[in-house]
Amino acid sequence: MRFLMAALLGAAAGLAADCGGLTKLTLPATKITEAKVYPADRGTPAACRVSAVMTPSTDSEIRLAVWLPETGWNGKFLGVGNGGFAGSISTGGLVEGVKTGYAVASTDTGHTAKGGTDASWALQHPEKIIDFGHRAIHLMTVQGKAIATAYYGSAPKKAYFSSCSNGGRQALMEAQRYPEDYDGILAGAPANNWTALMTTAAKNAAATLRDPSFYFPAEKLPAIQAAALAACDKNDAVADGVIENPGKCGFDPNVLLCKGEENKSCLTAPQISALKELYGGLKDAKGKQVYPGYAMSGEAEATGWGPWITGPAPEKSAMFGFSTNFFKFMVHNDPNWDYKTFDVARDLPAAQRMAIHLNATDPNLKAFQARGGKLILYHGWCDAAIPAQAVIDYYQSVVKKMGAKQAGSFVRLFMVPGMQHCGAGAGPNNFGQGGAPKGEAASNIAKALEEWVEKGTAPETILAARPGRTRPLCAYPKTAKYKGSGSTDEAGSFECVQ
C-alpha cells in the first residue's frame, strides 16, 4: 500500500494534480480565490496560477500568488520579494521562477500602494505595518509551500529567497525571524535598518532643503563625481572610472568651492556643507554615529543621486518621498508632518519605536546556520538609495556575534564597485542578481547560492560583467587587485587579495 501511495505521489509530482481543485484546499486564515492553468505564452511556460487572500489579523488582507509549472518542476520553491513600500505582486519574479522550473510565490505584503514610496496605507493601521514588516512574507512562504505540496503531491525539497532593497530587508527578516523557511537566502542591498535609513533620509532632506541656499541641483553632480574620481580612482592602480573601495576614499568636498561666480562646476559654501551631510550619515542628539553616509563616486550616474537624492527639483527625489511617507504615516500618524521641523532628538527615537516590526538587524543567525542555511549578501558601492557601508556594518556584526569561523561556514558578502542600487552603474554590474538560479555558478550569484546549499561549495569569487568589461567580485573583506599586466577590462587580469 505504501509503495502504491509513493508511486501515485511520484506521478502527481511529474504530471501535476488538478489545478482547479486547489480552490477547495483548506489553509489557516487563507482563502484561495482562483486556481487555473494558464497555457504557455511568449516564453512563459504553462503553469497552474493560484491566487489567495491571507487574513492573519482582523485588519489584514494579504494577496498571495503562487505559480506552479505544469511540467518540469525542479522540486524546489522560490520566494520573491518586493521593492519600496511594496503594494503589488511581483509578476516579473513569478515569470522568472516558472521559467527555471521553480514553484514560485509573491505577495503584495497586505496593501495596495500608489507607488513605491507611498505609505499612506499605513496610517492608523498597525496590523498592516506588521504584515509589511515581516508577517506577509513568512505566510507567503508557509502557504506557498503548502499549495505546492498539495499540487505536486510532495513537499519542495529545497527553498530559496532572492530579492533586493526592501526585498533584501525581507530576506534578512526571514533569516532572523523565520530560519526554517528557506535553505538559501540572497539579500541584495538590504534596507534592513529601515528606521535608521528613513531617518537619515529625513535628516538629509532637512539639511539640503530647509534653507534653499543649501540645495544643489542635479546639474552639479558631474562635477562632484569627477572630483571624487580624481581623488581616488587610481587608488587601485587602475584608472577606469570606478573606485574599487570608496570606503577608503579621502576626497575632500572643499576642493569644489566656487572661487568666483557660482556655476555648475563648483559648489557654494552652504552646498558643500550639505554635501558633507550626505557623505556623513546620521548621528544622534549626542553626536554618536547611528547610520553611515553615502559612498563617494557614482553621484552623476543615470541611476545615481539625481533620481534618489537631489531629484529633478527640490522635494522630488525618491528618498524624500520614502522618508516623508515613513514619518507621516508610520511614525507620527500625522499626514501634516513637515520634514522642515525634523529634530533628531525627537524623530530618531520616535522612528526607532518602529524597529521591532521593520528592522532586520539581529546578528544572531544561529538558528538559520544550525539547520544548514546559507546566506549571501551583495551591495553596490555606489548605491544612491541605501549607503553601501550599512551592509558591511551588518556583516561585521554577524561575524562578531557568531565568530569568524562559524560565520564563514554560512554567510558571504560581495561588494560591487561602481554598481548603483541593485544594478546599473559604471562598473561591471551583471552577475545573476535579481533572478532565479540559472547558468553557471561562477557568474550567477543565485546559482552559486544554490550550489553552496546543495553541493557544499562556498563561493569566493563571482564574475561580474558589463558590455566590454568583466571583473571578479571578491568575498569580503577581499578586493580585486590588478596583477600589473593584461587588459584592465578583463577579469583574468585581477586577483582577490586582503
Protein backbone atom coordinates (compact mmCIF):
# COMPACT_ATOMS: atom_id res chain seq x y z
CA MET A 1 0.00 0.00 0.00
CA ARG A 2 2.82 2.41 0.90
CA PHE A 3 4.53 1.58 -2.38
CA LEU A 4 1.34 2.32 -4.30
CA MET A 5 0.91 5.65 -2.49
CA ALA A 6 4.50 6.63 -3.21
CA ALA A 7 4.01 5.78 -6.88
CA LEU A 8 0.87 7.90 -7.03
CA LEU A 9 2.60 10.83 -5.36
CA GLY A 10 5.50 10.49 -7.74
CA ALA A 11 3.12 10.62 -10.69
CA ALA A 12 1.49 13.71 -9.22
CA ALA A 13 4.90 15.37 -8.92
CA GLY A 14 5.60 14.69 -12.58
CA LEU A 15 2.20 15.29 -14.14
CA ALA A 16 0.62 17.75 -11.70
CA ALA A 17 -2.71 17.36 -9.90
CA ASP A 18 -5.97 19.08 -10.81
CA CYS A 19 -5.23 22.80 -10.66
CA GLY A 20 -8.85 23.93 -10.27
CA GLY A 21 -9.28 21.59 -7.34
CA LEU A 22 -6.86 23.69 -5.31
CA THR A 23 -9.70 26.14 -4.62
CA LYS A 24 -11.01 23.51 -2.18
CA LEU A 25 -7.73 23.39 -0.27
CA THR A 26 -8.17 24.42 3.37
CA LEU A 27 -5.36 26.52 4.83
CA PRO A 28 -5.27 28.56 8.07
CA ALA A 29 -6.60 32.13 7.66
CA THR A 30 -6.30 31.76 3.88
CA LYS A 31 -8.89 31.70 1.11
CA ILE A 32 -7.88 30.54 -2.36
CA THR A 33 -9.82 32.70 -4.78
CA GLU A 34 -8.62 31.27 -8.09
CA ALA A 35 -6.63 28.29 -9.37
CA LYS A 36 -6.32 28.00 -13.10
CA VAL A 37 -3.89 26.59 -15.65
CA TYR A 38 -2.56 29.26 -17.98
CA PRO A 39 -1.05 27.93 -21.22
CA ALA A 40 2.45 28.73 -22.37
CA ASP A 41 2.68 32.27 -23.71
CA ARG A 42 5.61 34.21 -25.19
CA GLY A 43 8.31 32.24 -23.44
CA THR A 44 6.44 31.75 -20.16
CA PRO A 45 5.71 28.04 -19.67
CA ALA A 46 2.30 26.66 -18.83
CA ALA A 47 1.59 26.90 -15.11
CA CYS A 48 -1.11 26.49 -12.54
CA ARG A 49 -1.57 30.01 -11.20
CA VAL A 50 -3.10 30.27 -7.76
CA SER A 51 -4.43 33.46 -6.19
CA ALA A 52 -5.30 33.69 -2.50
CA VAL A 53 -6.01 36.16 0.29
CA MET A 54 -4.48 35.70 3.75
CA THR A 55 -6.06 37.30 6.83
CA PRO A 56 -3.87 36.69 9.91
CA SER A 57 -5.47 39.65 11.72
CA THR A 58 -8.81 41.44 11.56
CA ASP A 59 -7.10 44.27 9.65
CA SER A 60 -5.08 42.08 7.29
CA GLU A 61 -5.78 41.41 3.63
CA ILE A 62 -2.63 39.95 2.13
CA ARG A 63 -2.78 38.96 -1.54
CA LEU A 64 -0.78 35.88 -2.49
CA ALA A 65 0.17 34.50 -5.90
CA VAL A 66 1.70 31.06 -6.38
CA TRP A 67 2.74 29.86 -9.83
CA LEU A 68 3.35 26.14 -10.33
CA PRO A 69 4.97 24.79 -13.53
CA GLU A 70 2.70 22.22 -15.17
CA THR A 71 5.70 20.18 -16.26
CA GLY A 72 9.38 20.22 -15.42
CA TRP A 73 9.07 21.21 -11.76
CA ASN A 74 12.56 21.01 -10.26
CA GLY A 75 11.22 20.06 -6.84
CA LYS A 76 12.14 23.44 -5.33
CA PHE A 77 10.38 26.57 -4.03
CA LEU A 78 11.34 30.19 -4.70
CA GLY A 79 10.14 33.18 -2.69
CA VAL A 80 10.11 36.57 -4.42
CA GLY A 81 10.40 39.86 -2.51
CA ASN A 82 9.27 43.46 -3.03
CA GLY A 83 10.91 46.83 -3.51
CA GLY A 84 9.97 50.09 -1.81
CA PHE A 85 6.85 50.03 0.35
CA ALA A 86 5.64 47.05 -1.72
CA GLY A 87 1.91 47.09 -2.51
CA SER A 88 1.80 44.81 -5.55
CA ILE A 89 2.53 41.27 -6.68
CA SER A 90 5.99 40.87 -8.29
CA THR A 91 4.82 39.38 -11.59
CA GLY A 92 8.28 39.54 -13.15
CA GLY A 93 9.67 37.37 -10.38
CA LEU A 94 6.88 34.84 -10.86
CA VAL A 95 7.62 34.60 -14.58
CA GLU A 96 11.34 34.19 -13.95
CA GLY A 97 10.67 31.49 -11.37
CA VAL A 98 8.47 29.25 -13.53
CA LYS A 99 10.83 29.67 -16.48
CA THR A 100 13.54 27.98 -14.44
CA GLY A 101 11.30 25.25 -13.06
CA TYR A 102 10.51 26.60 -9.61
CA ALA A 103 7.25 26.69 -7.72
CA VAL A 104 7.31 30.41 -7.00
CA ALA A 105 5.34 32.77 -4.76
CA SER A 106 4.89 36.52 -4.37
CA THR A 107 2.76 38.79 -2.19
CA ASP A 108 1.72 42.44 -2.08
CA THR A 109 2.53 42.31 1.70
CA GLY A 110 -1.01 43.29 2.61
CA HIS A 111 -1.86 46.54 0.87
CA THR A 112 -2.14 48.38 -2.43
CA ALA A 113 0.22 51.32 -2.93
CA LYS A 114 0.05 54.23 -5.36
CA GLY A 115 3.77 53.88 -5.98
CA GLY A 116 6.98 52.60 -4.45
CA THR A 117 7.29 55.49 -2.00
CA ASP A 118 3.61 55.51 -0.93
CA ALA A 119 2.94 54.55 2.70
CA SER A 120 -0.42 56.27 3.12
CA TRP A 121 -1.99 52.81 3.53
CA ALA A 122 -0.23 52.52 6.92
CA LEU A 123 -1.98 55.47 8.57
CA GLN A 124 -3.69 54.15 11.73
CA HIS A 125 -3.20 50.53 10.55
CA PRO A 126 -0.63 48.92 12.87
CA GLU A 127 -1.50 45.38 11.74
CA LYS A 128 -0.80 46.30 8.12
CA ILE A 129 2.61 47.62 9.21
CA ILE A 130 3.34 44.24 10.82
CA ASP A 131 2.21 42.49 7.62
CA PHE A 132 4.55 44.70 5.59
CA GLY A 133 7.35 44.37 8.11
CA HIS A 134 7.63 40.59 8.19
CA ARG A 135 4.40 38.64 8.58
CA ALA A 136 3.26 38.65 4.94
CA ILE A 137 6.49 37.21 3.51
CA HIS A 138 6.56 34.48 6.14
CA LEU A 139 2.93 33.49 5.48
CA MET A 140 3.54 33.68 1.73
CA THR A 141 6.28 31.11 2.24
CA VAL A 142 4.30 28.79 4.51
CA GLN A 143 1.15 28.82 2.41
CA GLY A 144 3.05 28.82 -0.86
CA LYS A 145 4.84 25.63 0.14
CA ALA A 146 1.55 24.08 1.27
CA ILE A 147 -0.09 24.86 -2.08
CA ALA A 148 2.89 23.44 -3.97
CA THR A 149 2.79 20.30 -1.83
CA ALA A 150 -0.93 19.81 -2.50
CA TYR A 151 -0.45 20.30 -6.24
CA TYR A 152 2.56 18.07 -6.75
CA GLY A 153 1.88 15.54 -4.04
CA SER A 154 5.27 16.09 -2.40
CA ALA A 155 6.83 18.95 -0.50
CA PRO A 156 9.57 21.11 -2.04
CA LYS A 157 12.93 19.59 -1.20
CA LYS A 158 14.70 22.98 -1.08
CA ALA A 159 13.52 26.58 -0.72
CA TYR A 160 15.25 29.79 -1.79
CA PHE A 161 14.55 33.50 -1.38
CA SER A 162 16.07 36.17 -3.59
CA SER A 163 15.40 39.90 -3.61
CA CYS A 164 16.96 43.35 -3.34
CA SER A 165 16.40 46.64 -1.48
CA ASN A 166 13.30 46.28 0.71
CA GLY A 167 13.41 42.73 -0.62
CA GLY A 168 16.89 42.43 0.87
CA ARG A 169 15.40 43.54 4.19
CA GLN A 170 12.70 40.89 3.78
CA ALA A 171 15.44 38.33 3.08
CA LEU A 172 17.28 39.11 6.31
CA MET A 173 13.99 39.20 8.22
CA GLU A 174 13.41 35.63 7.06
CA ALA A 175 16.88 34.50 8.17
CA GLN A 176 16.48 36.16 11.57
CA ARG A 177 12.81 35.61 12.48
CA TYR A 178 11.84 32.55 10.44
CA PRO A 179 15.01 30.49 9.96
CA GLU A 180 13.03 27.36 8.97
CA ASP A 181 11.51 29.00 5.89
CA TYR A 182 14.47 28.92 3.49
CA ASP A 183 17.59 26.88 2.84
CA GLY A 184 19.31 29.61 0.84
CA ILE A 185 18.78 33.38 1.03
CA LEU A 186 20.15 36.01 -1.37
CA ALA A 187 19.89 39.52 0.10
CA GLY A 188 20.79 42.41 -2.20
CA ALA A 189 21.33 45.98 -0.97
CA PRO A 190 19.28 45.24 2.14
CA ALA A 191 17.33 48.11 3.69
CA ASN A 192 17.47 46.09 6.88
CA ASN A 193 17.98 49.02 9.25
CA TRP A 194 14.81 50.58 7.90
CA THR A 195 14.25 53.10 10.69
CA ALA A 196 17.81 54.46 10.53
CA LEU A 197 17.74 54.62 6.72
CA MET A 198 14.48 56.57 6.69
CA THR A 199 15.65 58.88 9.48
CA THR A 200 18.88 59.53 7.58
CA ALA A 201 16.85 60.45 4.51
CA ALA A 202 14.64 62.80 6.54
CA LYS A 203 17.73 64.41 8.07
CA ASN A 204 19.23 64.81 4.59
CA ALA A 205 16.02 66.40 3.31
CA ALA A 206 16.05 68.91 6.13
CA ALA A 207 19.78 69.59 5.68
CA THR A 208 19.51 70.24 1.94
CA LEU A 209 16.05 71.82 1.65
CA ARG A 210 15.21 73.61 4.91
CA ASP A 211 17.23 76.58 3.64
CA PRO A 212 17.15 76.94 -0.17
CA SER A 213 20.81 78.02 -0.25
CA PHE A 214 21.90 74.50 0.78
CA TYR A 215 20.21 72.69 -2.11
CA PHE A 216 22.39 71.78 -5.09
CA PRO A 217 20.70 70.70 -8.35
CA ALA A 218 21.45 67.54 -10.29
CA GLU A 219 23.41 69.52 -12.89
CA LYS A 220 26.22 69.83 -10.32
CA LEU A 221 26.54 66.09 -9.77
CA PRO A 222 29.02 65.50 -12.66
CA ALA A 223 31.44 67.95 -11.04
CA ILE A 224 31.11 66.18 -7.67
CA GLN A 225 31.68 62.74 -9.21
CA ALA A 226 34.64 63.98 -11.27
CA ALA A 227 36.29 65.41 -8.16
CA ALA A 228 35.81 62.15 -6.23
CA LEU A 229 37.24 60.11 -9.11
CA ALA A 230 40.18 62.48 -9.46
CA ALA A 231 40.97 61.93 -5.79
CA CYS A 232 40.53 58.15 -5.59
CA ASP A 233 40.08 56.38 -8.94
CA LYS A 234 43.78 55.43 -9.09
CA ASN A 235 43.84 54.03 -5.55
CA ASP A 236 43.54 50.51 -7.03
CA ALA A 237 46.23 51.27 -9.67
CA VAL A 238 43.61 51.26 -12.45
CA ALA A 239 42.07 54.47 -13.83
CA ASP A 240 38.77 53.10 -15.10
CA GLY A 241 36.12 55.47 -13.77
CA VAL A 242 35.39 53.14 -10.85
CA ILE A 243 36.66 53.36 -7.26
CA GLU A 244 37.28 49.81 -6.04
CA ASN A 245 36.71 50.70 -2.39
CA PRO A 246 35.05 54.11 -1.84
CA GLY A 247 35.23 53.46 1.89
CA LYS A 248 38.96 54.20 1.64
CA CYS A 249 38.49 57.39 -0.43
CA GLY A 250 39.79 60.58 1.17
CA PHE A 251 38.01 63.01 -1.15
CA ASP A 252 37.61 66.49 0.39
CA PRO A 253 34.47 68.29 -0.88
CA ASN A 254 36.10 71.66 -0.14
CA VAL A 255 38.01 71.42 -3.45
CA LEU A 256 34.69 72.17 -5.14
CA LEU A 257 34.25 75.58 -3.50
CA CYS A 258 33.44 78.26 -6.07
CA LYS A 259 36.33 80.70 -6.45
CA GLY A 260 34.21 83.28 -8.19
CA GLU A 261 30.66 83.34 -9.55
CA GLU A 262 28.65 80.16 -8.92
CA ASN A 263 28.35 77.76 -11.85
CA LYS A 264 27.55 74.07 -12.39
CA SER A 265 31.22 73.10 -11.94
CA CYS A 266 31.51 74.33 -8.36
CA LEU A 267 29.57 74.47 -5.09
CA THR A 268 28.86 77.32 -2.71
CA ALA A 269 29.85 77.05 0.95
CA PRO A 270 26.30 76.09 2.03
CA GLN A 271 26.12 73.46 -0.74
CA ILE A 272 29.44 71.96 0.39
CA SER A 273 28.06 71.81 3.91
CA ALA A 274 25.02 69.92 2.58
CA LEU A 275 27.26 67.56 0.57
CA LYS A 276 29.20 66.72 3.73
CA GLU A 277 25.91 65.90 5.44
CA LEU A 278 25.13 63.36 2.71
CA TYR A 279 28.55 61.77 3.00
CA GLY A 280 28.49 61.93 6.81
CA GLY A 281 25.43 59.82 7.59
CA LEU A 282 23.27 60.08 10.71
CA LYS A 283 24.34 61.00 14.24
CA ASP A 284 22.06 61.02 17.26
CA ALA A 285 21.47 64.01 19.52
CA LYS A 286 24.69 63.20 21.43
CA GLY A 287 26.80 63.00 18.29
CA LYS A 288 27.07 59.20 18.15
CA GLN A 289 27.15 57.69 14.66
CA VAL A 290 23.91 55.80 14.04
CA TYR A 291 24.00 55.11 10.30
CA PRO A 292 26.62 55.59 7.57
CA GLY A 293 26.57 58.15 4.81
CA TYR A 294 26.67 57.63 1.06
CA ALA A 295 29.86 56.48 -0.64
CA MET A 296 31.86 58.78 -2.88
CA SER A 297 31.74 58.26 -6.66
CA GLY A 298 28.77 57.38 -8.85
CA GLU A 299 26.89 60.55 -7.93
CA ALA A 300 26.23 61.57 -11.55
CA GLU A 301 25.20 58.18 -12.96
CA ALA A 302 21.74 57.95 -14.52
CA THR A 303 20.51 55.89 -11.56
CA GLY A 304 22.61 57.78 -9.02
CA TRP A 305 22.00 60.81 -6.84
CA GLY A 306 19.78 62.56 -9.41
CA PRO A 307 16.69 60.37 -9.02
CA TRP A 308 17.43 59.25 -5.46
CA ILE A 309 18.83 62.25 -3.53
CA THR A 310 18.65 65.62 -5.30
CA GLY A 311 15.66 64.84 -7.51
CA PRO A 312 14.95 66.83 -10.67
CA ALA A 313 13.81 69.62 -8.33
CA PRO A 314 13.57 70.20 -4.56
CA GLU A 315 11.21 67.73 -2.79
CA LYS A 316 11.10 65.47 -5.87
CA SER A 317 13.66 62.78 -5.02
CA ALA A 318 12.84 59.17 -4.19
CA MET A 319 14.44 59.33 -0.75
CA PHE A 320 12.44 62.46 0.04
CA GLY A 321 9.28 60.52 -0.82
CA PHE A 322 10.29 57.50 1.24
CA SER A 323 11.25 59.44 4.34
CA THR A 324 8.30 61.82 4.44
CA ASN A 325 5.84 58.98 3.89
CA PHE A 326 7.53 56.97 6.62
CA PHE A 327 7.31 59.74 9.21
CA LYS A 328 3.84 60.89 8.23
CA PHE A 329 2.09 57.55 8.04
CA MET A 330 4.12 55.11 10.15
CA VAL A 331 5.93 57.09 12.83
CA HIS A 332 3.80 60.11 13.74
CA ASN A 333 0.42 59.11 12.23
CA ASP A 334 0.15 62.70 11.04
CA PRO A 335 -0.27 63.43 7.30
CA ASN A 336 0.67 67.06 8.03
CA TRP A 337 4.09 66.28 9.49
CA ASP A 338 6.64 68.67 7.94
CA TYR A 339 10.19 67.49 7.26
CA LYS A 340 11.41 71.05 7.85
CA THR A 341 10.64 70.53 11.54
CA PHE A 342 12.89 67.45 11.68
CA ASP A 343 14.63 67.16 15.05
CA VAL A 344 16.95 64.20 15.53
CA ALA A 345 16.44 64.25 19.31
CA ARG A 346 12.70 63.74 18.80
CA ASP A 347 12.32 62.00 15.46
CA LEU A 348 15.07 59.37 15.73
CA PRO A 349 13.69 57.82 18.96
CA ALA A 350 10.17 58.00 17.50
CA ALA A 351 11.33 56.14 14.39
CA GLN A 352 13.21 53.56 16.43
CA ARG A 353 9.97 52.54 18.11
CA MET A 354 9.04 51.00 14.74
CA ALA A 355 12.20 48.88 14.68
CA ILE A 356 10.50 45.91 16.31
CA HIS A 357 8.36 45.43 13.20
CA LEU A 358 10.56 46.81 10.42
CA ASN A 359 14.25 46.27 11.21
CA ALA A 360 16.21 43.12 10.42
CA THR A 361 19.44 43.93 12.27
CA ASP A 362 19.76 40.94 14.63
CA PRO A 363 23.25 39.43 14.11
CA ASN A 364 22.31 36.18 15.85
CA LEU A 365 21.74 33.78 12.97
CA LYS A 366 22.50 30.63 14.95
CA ALA A 367 19.13 29.01 14.23
CA PHE A 368 19.49 29.62 10.49
CA GLN A 369 23.04 28.27 10.49
CA ALA A 370 22.11 25.25 12.62
CA ARG A 371 19.64 23.97 10.01
CA GLY A 372 22.24 24.33 7.26
CA GLY A 373 21.02 27.65 5.86
CA LYS A 374 23.30 29.70 3.60
CA LEU A 375 23.18 33.49 3.20
CA ILE A 376 24.77 35.64 0.50
CA LEU A 377 24.69 39.43 0.71
CA TYR A 378 25.66 41.84 -2.06
CA HIS A 379 25.64 45.61 -2.37
CA GLY A 380 26.72 48.15 -4.99
CA TRP A 381 29.36 50.51 -3.65
CA CYS A 382 27.74 53.45 -5.48
CA ASP A 383 24.21 52.77 -4.21
CA ALA A 384 22.39 56.12 -4.01
CA ALA A 385 19.41 54.66 -2.16
CA ILE A 386 20.99 52.66 0.67
CA PRO A 387 24.53 53.51 1.83
CA ALA A 388 26.82 50.59 0.99
CA GLN A 389 28.65 50.74 4.31
CA ALA A 390 25.43 49.67 6.03
CA VAL A 391 25.68 46.09 4.71
CA ILE A 392 29.33 45.89 5.77
CA ASP A 393 28.31 47.01 9.25
CA TYR A 394 25.67 44.28 9.41
CA TYR A 395 28.00 41.60 8.05
CA GLN A 396 30.66 42.54 10.60
CA SER A 397 28.08 42.38 13.40
CA VAL A 398 27.28 38.79 12.35
CA VAL A 399 30.98 37.87 12.32
CA LYS A 400 31.41 39.43 15.78
CA LYS A 401 28.36 37.64 17.18
CA MET A 402 28.91 34.25 15.55
CA GLY A 403 32.69 34.20 15.37
CA ALA A 404 34.69 34.31 12.16
CA LYS A 405 34.83 30.54 11.69
CA GLN A 406 31.12 30.00 12.24
CA ALA A 407 30.13 32.99 10.09
CA GLY A 408 32.43 31.78 7.33
CA SER A 409 30.56 28.48 7.22
CA PHE A 410 27.27 30.01 6.09
CA VAL A 411 27.49 33.69 5.08
CA ARG A 412 29.28 35.62 2.32
CA LEU A 413 29.28 39.30 1.36
CA PHE A 414 30.14 40.62 -2.10
CA MET A 415 30.67 44.36 -2.57
CA VAL A 416 30.28 45.54 -6.17
CA PRO A 417 32.47 48.51 -7.22
CA GLY A 418 30.74 51.04 -9.44
CA MET A 419 27.29 49.48 -9.09
CA GLN A 420 24.24 51.55 -8.22
CA HIS A 421 21.09 50.35 -6.41
CA CYS A 422 20.66 46.63 -7.13
CA GLY A 423 22.21 47.05 -10.61
CA ALA A 424 23.41 49.54 -13.27
CA GLY A 425 26.34 51.91 -12.78
CA ALA A 426 29.81 52.41 -14.28
CA GLY A 427 31.28 49.12 -13.07
CA PRO A 428 30.50 45.54 -14.13
CA ASN A 429 27.07 45.02 -12.58
CA ASN A 430 25.53 41.89 -14.08
CA PHE A 431 26.24 38.76 -12.04
CA GLY A 432 22.91 36.93 -11.94
CA GLN A 433 21.36 39.03 -9.20
CA GLY A 434 17.63 39.64 -9.19
CA GLY A 435 16.58 36.36 -10.76
CA ALA A 436 16.24 32.65 -10.24
CA PRO A 437 19.35 30.43 -10.23
CA LYS A 438 20.47 29.58 -13.75
CA GLY A 439 23.57 29.21 -15.87
CA GLU A 440 26.98 28.81 -14.26
CA ALA A 441 27.67 29.39 -10.58
CA ALA A 442 30.88 31.24 -11.49
CA SER A 443 28.89 34.13 -12.99
CA ASN A 444 25.43 33.78 -11.42
CA ILE A 445 25.25 34.61 -7.73
CA ALA A 446 21.85 32.93 -7.33
CA LYS A 447 23.23 29.73 -8.85
CA ALA A 448 26.28 30.00 -6.61
CA LEU A 449 23.96 30.12 -3.60
CA GLU A 450 22.08 27.06 -4.82
CA GLU A 451 25.29 25.09 -5.29
CA TRP A 452 26.51 26.15 -1.86
CA VAL A 453 23.30 24.80 -0.33
CA GLU A 454 23.14 21.61 -2.35
CA LYS A 455 26.78 20.77 -3.01
CA GLY A 456 28.59 22.50 -0.15
CA THR A 457 30.70 24.69 -2.45
CA ALA A 458 31.11 28.13 -0.87
CA PRO A 459 31.60 30.94 -3.43
CA GLU A 460 34.76 33.03 -3.05
CA THR A 461 34.52 34.96 -6.33
CA ILE A 462 31.69 35.83 -8.71
CA LEU A 463 32.28 37.09 -12.25
CA ALA A 464 30.54 40.41 -12.94
CA ALA A 465 30.13 41.76 -16.44
CA ARG A 466 29.02 44.74 -18.47
CA PRO A 467 29.50 45.38 -22.20
CA GLY A 468 33.24 45.47 -22.82
CA ARG A 469 34.37 44.69 -19.28
CA THR A 470 34.46 41.86 -16.74
CA ARG A 471 35.73 41.93 -13.18
CA PRO A 472 35.83 39.45 -10.29
CA LEU A 473 33.71 40.22 -7.25
CA CYS A 474 35.56 39.06 -4.16
CA ALA A 475 34.15 37.67 -0.93
CA TYR A 476 34.52 40.45 1.64
CA PRO A 477 36.91 41.60 3.01
CA LYS A 478 38.96 40.77 -0.09
CA THR A 479 39.00 43.14 -3.06
CA ALA A 480 40.07 42.79 -6.68
CA LYS A 481 43.64 43.93 -7.39
CA TYR A 482 45.19 44.41 -10.81
CA LYS A 483 48.02 41.93 -11.38
CA GLY A 484 50.05 44.53 -13.26
CA SER A 485 49.68 43.11 -16.75
CA GLY A 486 46.88 42.26 -19.16
CA SER A 487 43.79 44.20 -20.14
CA THR A 488 42.16 46.10 -17.28
CA ASP A 489 38.82 45.25 -18.90
CA GLU A 490 39.30 41.50 -18.36
CA ALA A 491 38.63 39.72 -15.09
CA GLY A 492 41.66 37.46 -15.59
CA SER A 493 43.94 40.46 -15.04
CA PHE A 494 42.78 40.77 -11.42
CA GLU A 495 43.11 38.69 -8.27
CA CYS A 496 41.30 38.82 -4.94
CA VAL A 497 43.53 39.99 -2.10
CA GLN A 498 43.11 41.08 1.50
